[in-house]
């Protein structure tokens, strides 16, 4: 279950910062001063990098899970 969660979270973090969902979120209605920071490509890239890191964690967990057990 945790492996699937890692892959889903990774996909979300890699894809969403570059979509309209990121640009038109409700947080900007309450805190408009964050808009300039969160729409900066460096921040978007950082969030996508966290998604890539989460993908590597998921792959590592999957390799450990599917590794043959020693008797």
PDB file of N, CA and C in Angstrom:
ATOM      1  N   UNK A   1       0.815  -1.188   0.000  1.00  0.00           N
ATOM      2  CA  UNK A   1       0.000   0.000   0.000  1.00  0.00           C
ATOM      3  C   UNK A   1       0.865   1.262   0.000  1.00  0.00           C
ATOM      4  N   UNK A   2       1.933   1.249   0.774  1.00  0.00           N
ATOM      5  CA  UNK A   2       2.815   2.415   0.822  1.00  0.00           C
ATOM      6  C   UNK A   2       3.531   2.619  -0.512  1.00  0.00           C
ATOM      7  N   UNK A   3       3.804   1.542  -1.199  1.00  0.00           N
ATOM      8  CA  UNK A   3       4.476   1.643  -2.495  1.00  0.00           C
ATOM      9  C   UNK A   3       3.562   2.346  -3.493  1.00  0.00           C
ATOM     10  N   UNK A   4       2.316   1.969  -3.521  1.00  0.00           N
ATOM     11  CA  UNK A   4       1.353   2.607  -4.415  1.00  0.00           C
ATOM     12  C   UNK A   4       1.185   4.085  -4.067  1.00  0.00           C
ATOM     13  N   UNK A   5       1.142   4.392  -2.780  1.00  0.00           N
ATOM     14  CA  UNK A   5       1.036   5.779  -2.347  1.00  0.00           C
ATOM     15  C   UNK A   5       2.238   6.594  -2.816  1.00  0.00           C
ATOM     16  N   UNK A   6       3.441   6.021  -2.728  1.00  0.00           N
ATOM     17  CA  UNK A   6       4.648   6.727  -3.191  1.00  0.00           C
ATOM     18  C   UNK A   6       4.558   7.047  -4.680  1.00  0.00           C
ATOM     19  N   UNK A   7       4.095   6.089  -5.478  1.00  0.00           N
ATOM     20  CA  UNK A   7       3.995   6.320  -6.913  1.00  0.00           C
ATOM     21  C   UNK A   7       2.909   7.347  -7.251  1.00  0.00           C
ATOM     22  N   UNK A   8       1.789   7.289  -6.552  1.00  0.00           N
ATOM     23  CA  UNK A   8       0.718   8.260  -6.803  1.00  0.00           C
ATOM     24  C   UNK A   8       1.146   9.667  -6.401  1.00  0.00           C
ATOM     25  N   UNK A   9       1.773   9.788  -5.252  1.00  0.00           N
ATOM     26  CA  UNK A   9       2.239  11.096  -4.802  1.00  0.00           C
ATOM     27  C   UNK A   9       3.312  11.643  -5.742  1.00  0.00           C
ATOM     28  N   UNK A  10       4.191  10.771  -6.207  1.00  0.00           N
ATOM     29  CA  UNK A  10       5.234  11.197  -7.139  1.00  0.00           C
ATOM     30  C   UNK A  10       4.611  11.723  -8.436  1.00  0.00           C
ATOM     31  N   UNK A  11       3.636  11.003  -8.956  1.00  0.00           N
ATOM     32  CA  UNK A  11       2.981  11.446 -10.190  1.00  0.00           C
ATOM     33  C   UNK A  11       2.301  12.793  -9.976  1.00  0.00           C
ATOM     34  N   UNK A  12       1.643  12.957  -8.841  1.00  0.00           N
ATOM     35  CA  UNK A  12       0.970  14.219  -8.534  1.00  0.00           C
ATOM     36  C   UNK A  12       1.973  15.359  -8.451  1.00  0.00           C
ATOM     37  N   UNK A  13       3.072  15.161  -7.721  1.00  0.00           N
ATOM     38  CA  UNK A  13       4.041  16.231  -7.523  1.00  0.00           C
ATOM     39  C   UNK A  13       4.824  16.576  -8.785  1.00  0.00           C
ATOM     40  N   UNK A  14       4.974  15.640  -9.679  1.00  0.00           N
ATOM     41  CA  UNK A  14       5.704  15.918 -10.923  1.00  0.00           C
ATOM     42  C   UNK A  14       4.802  16.628 -11.937  1.00  0.00           C
ATOM     43  N   UNK A  15       3.535  16.266 -11.985  1.00  0.00           N
ATOM     44  CA  UNK A  15       2.648  16.782 -13.035  1.00  0.00           C
ATOM     45  C   UNK A  15       1.933  18.077 -12.638  1.00  0.00           C
ATOM     46  N   UNK A  16       1.383  18.141 -11.445  1.00  0.00           N
ATOM     47  CA  UNK A  16       0.488  19.234 -11.061  1.00  0.00           C
ATOM     48  C   UNK A  16       1.128  20.621 -11.073  1.00  0.00           C
ATOM     49  N   UNK A  17       2.388  20.801 -10.662  1.00  0.00           N
ATOM     50  CA  UNK A  17       2.928  22.175 -10.677  1.00  0.00           C
ATOM     51  C   UNK A  17       2.957  22.831 -12.054  1.00  0.00           C
ATOM     52  N   UNK A  18       2.806  22.071 -13.095  1.00  0.00           N
ATOM     53  CA  UNK A  18       2.874  22.621 -14.448  1.00  0.00           C
ATOM     54  C   UNK A  18       1.505  22.704 -15.110  1.00  0.00           C
ATOM     55  N   UNK A  19       0.433  22.524 -14.333  1.00  0.00           N
ATOM     56  CA  UNK A  19      -0.916  22.561 -14.895  1.00  0.00           C
ATOM     57  C   UNK A  19      -1.684  23.788 -14.387  1.00  0.00           C
ATOM     58  N   UNK A  20      -2.889  23.973 -14.910  1.00  0.00           N
ATOM     59  CA  UNK A  20      -3.742  25.075 -14.471  1.00  0.00           C
ATOM     60  C   UNK A  20      -4.249  24.880 -13.050  1.00  0.00           C
ATOM     61  N   UNK A  21      -4.291  23.653 -12.580  1.00  0.00           N
ATOM     62  CA  UNK A  21      -4.709  23.395 -11.207  1.00  0.00           C
ATOM     63  C   UNK A  21      -3.794  24.113 -10.220  1.00  0.00           C
ATOM     64  N   UNK A  22      -2.518  24.164 -10.533  1.00  0.00           N
ATOM     65  CA  UNK A  22      -1.544  24.859  -9.680  1.00  0.00           C
ATOM     66  C   UNK A  22      -1.726  26.378  -9.773  1.00  0.00           C
ATOM     67  N   UNK A  23      -2.005  26.866 -10.958  1.00  0.00           N
ATOM     68  CA  UNK A  23      -2.119  28.305 -11.183  1.00  0.00           C
ATOM     69  C   UNK A  23      -3.417  28.894 -10.639  1.00  0.00           C
ATOM     70  N   UNK A  24      -4.473  28.119 -10.575  1.00  0.00           N
ATOM     71  CA  UNK A  24      -5.782  28.619 -10.164  1.00  0.00           C
ATOM     72  C   UNK A  24      -6.255  27.979  -8.869  1.00  0.00           C
ATOM     73  N   UNK A  25      -5.366  27.837  -7.899  1.00  0.00           N
ATOM     74  CA  UNK A  25      -5.809  27.193  -6.665  1.00  0.00           C
ATOM     75  C   UNK A  25      -6.423  28.195  -5.702  1.00  0.00           C
ATOM     76  N   UNK A  26      -7.142  27.690  -4.732  1.00  0.00           N
ATOM     77  CA  UNK A  26      -7.892  28.508  -3.791  1.00  0.00           C
ATOM     78  C   UNK A  26      -6.985  29.254  -2.820  1.00  0.00           C
ATOM     79  N   UNK A  27      -5.790  28.787  -2.621  1.00  0.00           N
ATOM     80  CA  UNK A  27      -4.853  29.430  -1.703  1.00  0.00           C
ATOM     81  C   UNK A  27      -4.552  30.864  -2.137  1.00  0.00           C
ATOM     82  N   UNK A  28      -4.508  31.106  -3.424  1.00  0.00           N
ATOM     83  CA  UNK A  28      -4.210  32.453  -3.929  1.00  0.00           C
ATOM     84  C   UNK A  28      -5.336  33.437  -3.624  1.00  0.00           C
ATOM     85  N   UNK A  29      -6.547  32.945  -3.445  1.00  0.00           N
ATOM     86  CA  UNK A  29      -7.659  33.827  -3.093  1.00  0.00           C
ATOM     87  C   UNK A  29      -7.490  34.353  -1.665  1.00  0.00           C
ATOM     88  N   UNK A  30      -6.955  33.537  -0.797  1.00  0.00           N
ATOM     89  CA  UNK A  30      -6.770  33.935   0.601  1.00  0.00           C
ATOM     90  C   UNK A  30      -5.430  34.611   0.851  1.00  0.00           C
ATOM     91  N   UNK A  31      -4.398  34.197   0.141  1.00  0.00           N
ATOM     92  CA  UNK A  31      -3.057  34.760   0.304  1.00  0.00           C
ATOM     93  C   UNK A  31      -2.487  35.146  -1.063  1.00  0.00           C
ATOM     94  N   UNK A  32      -2.943  36.245  -1.640  1.00  0.00           N
ATOM     95  CA  UNK A  32      -2.501  36.612  -2.989  1.00  0.00           C
ATOM     96  C   UNK A  32      -1.004  36.936  -3.068  1.00  0.00           C
ATOM     97  N   UNK A  33      -0.375  37.268  -1.944  1.00  0.00           N
ATOM     98  CA  UNK A  33       1.058  37.580  -1.984  1.00  0.00           C
ATOM     99  C   UNK A  33       1.903  36.328  -2.252  1.00  0.00           C
ATOM    100  N   UNK A  34       1.346  35.139  -2.071  1.00  0.00           N
ATOM    101  CA  UNK A  34       2.081  33.905  -2.365  1.00  0.00           C
ATOM    102  C   UNK A  34       2.114  33.586  -3.858  1.00  0.00           C
ATOM    103  N   UNK A  35       1.243  34.198  -4.614  1.00  0.00           N
ATOM    104  CA  UNK A  35       1.121  33.883  -6.041  1.00  0.00           C
ATOM    105  C   UNK A  35       2.446  34.034  -6.781  1.00  0.00           C
ATOM    106  N   UNK A  36       3.159  35.112  -6.537  1.00  0.00           N
ATOM    107  CA  UNK A  36       4.433  35.334  -7.222  1.00  0.00           C
ATOM    108  C   UNK A  36       5.476  34.286  -6.880  1.00  0.00           C
ATOM    109  N   UNK A  37       5.449  33.829  -5.638  1.00  0.00           N
ATOM    110  CA  UNK A  37       6.431  32.817  -5.223  1.00  0.00           C
ATOM    111  C   UNK A  37       6.087  31.435  -5.762  1.00  0.00           C
ATOM    112  N   UNK A  38       4.838  31.042  -5.611  1.00  0.00           N
ATOM    113  CA  UNK A  38       4.459  29.680  -5.992  1.00  0.00           C
ATOM    114  C   UNK A  38       4.370  29.468  -7.501  1.00  0.00           C
ATOM    115  N   UNK A  39       4.266  30.548  -8.259  1.00  0.00           N
ATOM    116  CA  UNK A  39       4.236  30.406  -9.713  1.00  0.00           C
ATOM    117  C   UNK A  39       5.626  30.539 -10.336  1.00  0.00           C
ATOM    118  N   UNK A  40       6.637  30.788  -9.524  1.00  0.00           N
ATOM    119  CA  UNK A  40       8.004  30.899 -10.026  1.00  0.00           C
ATOM    120  C   UNK A  40       8.484  29.520 -10.489  1.00  0.00           C
ATOM    121  N   UNK A  41       9.132  29.444 -11.656  1.00  0.00           N
ATOM    122  CA  UNK A  41       9.590  28.146 -12.173  1.00  0.00           C
ATOM    123  C   UNK A  41      10.548  27.406 -11.231  1.00  0.00           C
ATOM    124  N   UNK A  42      11.320  28.126 -10.446  1.00  0.00           N
ATOM    125  CA  UNK A  42      12.237  27.476  -9.507  1.00  0.00           C
ATOM    126  C   UNK A  42      11.465  26.690  -8.445  1.00  0.00           C
ATOM    127  N   UNK A  43      10.380  27.253  -7.939  1.00  0.00           N
ATOM    128  CA  UNK A  43       9.557  26.572  -6.937  1.00  0.00           C
ATOM    129  C   UNK A  43       8.829  25.391  -7.570  1.00  0.00           C
ATOM    130  N   UNK A  44       8.307  25.599  -8.755  1.00  0.00           N
ATOM    131  CA  UNK A  44       7.641  24.495  -9.459  1.00  0.00           C
ATOM    132  C   UNK A  44       8.611  23.349  -9.717  1.00  0.00           C
ATOM    133  N   UNK A  45       9.822  23.687 -10.113  1.00  0.00           N
ATOM    134  CA  UNK A  45      10.837  22.661 -10.342  1.00  0.00           C
ATOM    135  C   UNK A  45      11.221  21.953  -9.054  1.00  0.00           C
ATOM    136  N   UNK A  46      11.261  22.696  -7.956  1.00  0.00           N
ATOM    137  CA  UNK A  46      11.559  22.081  -6.666  1.00  0.00           C
ATOM    138  C   UNK A  46      10.492  21.090  -6.244  1.00  0.00           C
ATOM    139  N   UNK A  47       9.244  21.437  -6.467  1.00  0.00           N
ATOM    140  CA  UNK A  47       8.145  20.519  -6.144  1.00  0.00           C
ATOM    141  C   UNK A  47       8.214  19.286  -7.044  1.00  0.00           C
ATOM    142  N   UNK A  48       8.518  19.483  -8.317  1.00  0.00           N
ATOM    143  CA  UNK A  48       8.660  18.354  -9.234  1.00  0.00           C
ATOM    144  C   UNK A  48       9.858  17.485  -8.838  1.00  0.00           C
ATOM    145  N   UNK A  49      10.928  18.101  -8.346  1.00  0.00           N
ATOM    146  CA  UNK A  49      12.090  17.332  -7.884  1.00  0.00           C
ATOM    147  C   UNK A  49      11.728  16.493  -6.662  1.00  0.00           C
ATOM    148  N   UNK A  50      10.897  17.030  -5.774  1.00  0.00           N
ATOM    149  CA  UNK A  50      10.419  16.227  -4.650  1.00  0.00           C
ATOM    150  C   UNK A  50       9.610  15.027  -5.141  1.00  0.00           C
ATOM    151  N   UNK A  51       8.864  15.226  -6.214  1.00  0.00           N
ATOM    152  CA  UNK A  51       8.124  14.116  -6.815  1.00  0.00           C
ATOM    153  C   UNK A  51       9.057  13.056  -7.369  1.00  0.00           C
ATOM    154  N   UNK A  52      10.144  13.475  -7.999  1.00  0.00           N
ATOM    155  CA  UNK A  52      11.129  12.517  -8.511  1.00  0.00           C
ATOM    156  C   UNK A  52      11.800  11.764  -7.372  1.00  0.00           C
ATOM    157  N   UNK A  53      12.095  12.466  -6.293  1.00  0.00           N
ATOM    158  CA  UNK A  53      12.681  11.819  -5.121  1.00  0.00           C
ATOM    159  C   UNK A  53      11.702  10.808  -4.531  1.00  0.00           C
ATOM    160  N   UNK A  54      10.442  11.153  -4.488  1.00  0.00           N
ATOM    161  CA  UNK A  54       9.430  10.227  -3.992  1.00  0.00           C
ATOM    162  C   UNK A  54       9.303   9.019  -4.913  1.00  0.00           C
ATOM    163  N   UNK A  55       9.475   9.216  -6.199  1.00  0.00           N
ATOM    164  CA  UNK A  55       9.459   8.103  -7.145  1.00  0.00           C
ATOM    165  C   UNK A  55      10.611   7.140  -6.862  1.00  0.00           C
ATOM    166  N   UNK A  56      11.788   7.678  -6.589  1.00  0.00           N
ATOM    167  CA  UNK A  56      12.929   6.826  -6.255  1.00  0.00           C
ATOM    168  C   UNK A  56      12.688   6.060  -4.956  1.00  0.00           C
ATOM    169  N   UNK A  57      12.060   6.688  -3.992  1.00  0.00           N
ATOM    170  CA  UNK A  57      11.727   6.008  -2.743  1.00  0.00           C
ATOM    171  C   UNK A  57      10.741   4.867  -3.009  1.00  0.00           C
ATOM    172  N   UNK A  58       9.768   5.113  -3.860  1.00  0.00           N
ATOM    173  CA  UNK A  58       8.808   4.065  -4.214  1.00  0.00           C
ATOM    174  C   UNK A  58       9.457   2.904  -4.944  1.00  0.00           C
ATOM    175  N   UNK A  59      10.370   3.199  -5.854  1.00  0.00           N
ATOM    176  CA  UNK A  59      11.081   2.137  -6.568  1.00  0.00           C
ATOM    177  C   UNK A  59      11.923   1.323  -5.592  1.00  0.00           C
ATOM    178  N   UNK A  60      12.596   1.996  -4.675  1.00  0.00           N
ATOM    179  CA  UNK A  60      13.405   1.298  -3.678  1.00  0.00           C
ATOM    180  C   UNK A  60      12.539   0.401  -2.799  1.00  0.00           C
ATOM    181  N   UNK A  61      11.399   0.899  -2.379  1.00  0.00           N
ATOM    182  CA  UNK A  61      10.491   0.095  -1.551  1.00  0.00           C
ATOM    183  C   UNK A  61       9.953  -1.100  -2.339  1.00  0.00           C
ATOM    184  N   UNK A  62       9.649  -0.900  -3.608  1.00  0.00           N
ATOM    185  CA  UNK A  62       9.147  -2.000  -4.442  1.00  0.00           C
ATOM    186  C   UNK A  62      10.225  -3.063  -4.646  1.00  0.00           C
ATOM    187  N   UNK A  63      11.454  -2.636  -4.840  1.00  0.00           N
ATOM    188  CA  UNK A  63      12.547  -3.610  -5.001  1.00  0.00           C
ATOM    189  C   UNK A  63      12.723  -4.428  -3.730  1.00  0.00           C
ATOM    190  N   UNK A  64      12.625  -3.764  -2.577  1.00  0.00           N
ATOM    191  CA  UNK A  64      12.751  -4.486  -1.310  1.00  0.00           C
ATOM    192  C   UNK A  64      11.582  -5.443  -1.110  1.00  0.00           C
ATOM    193  N   UNK A  65      10.388  -5.010  -1.507  1.00  0.00           N
ATOM    194  CA  UNK A  65       9.197  -5.832  -1.307  1.00  0.00           C
ATOM    195  C   UNK A  65       9.217  -7.082  -2.183  1.00  0.00           C
ATOM    196  N   UNK A  66       9.669  -6.940  -3.425  1.00  0.00           N
ATOM    197  CA  UNK A  66       9.634  -8.058  -4.368  1.00  0.00           C
ATOM    198  C   UNK A  66      10.929  -8.861  -4.397  1.00  0.00           C
ATOM    199  N   UNK A  67      11.878  -8.525  -3.549  1.00  0.00           N
ATOM    200  CA  UNK A  67      13.128  -9.275  -3.486  1.00  0.00           C
ATOM    201  C   UNK A  67      12.849 -10.670  -2.903  1.00  0.00           C
ATOM    202  N   UNK A  68      13.463 -11.692  -3.457  1.00  0.00           N
ATOM    203  CA  UNK A  68      13.242 -13.057  -2.918  1.00  0.00           C
ATOM    204  C   UNK A  68      13.745 -13.142  -1.467  1.00  0.00           C
ATOM    205  N   UNK A  69      12.985 -13.829  -0.653  1.00  0.00           N
ATOM    206  CA  UNK A  69      13.341 -14.018   0.746  1.00  0.00           C
ATOM    207  C   UNK A  69      14.342 -15.157   0.885  1.00  0.00           C
ATOM    208  N   UNK A  70      15.245 -15.004   1.823  1.00  0.00           N
ATOM    209  CA  UNK A  70      16.196 -16.088   2.106  1.00  0.00           C
ATOM    210  C   UNK A  70      15.554 -17.050   3.087  1.00  0.00           C
ATOM    211  N   UNK A  71      15.828 -18.340   2.888  1.00  0.00           N
ATOM    212  CA  UNK A  71      15.248 -19.361   3.756  1.00  0.00           C
ATOM    213  C   UNK A  71      16.006 -19.513   5.064  1.00  0.00           C
TER     214      UNK A  71
END
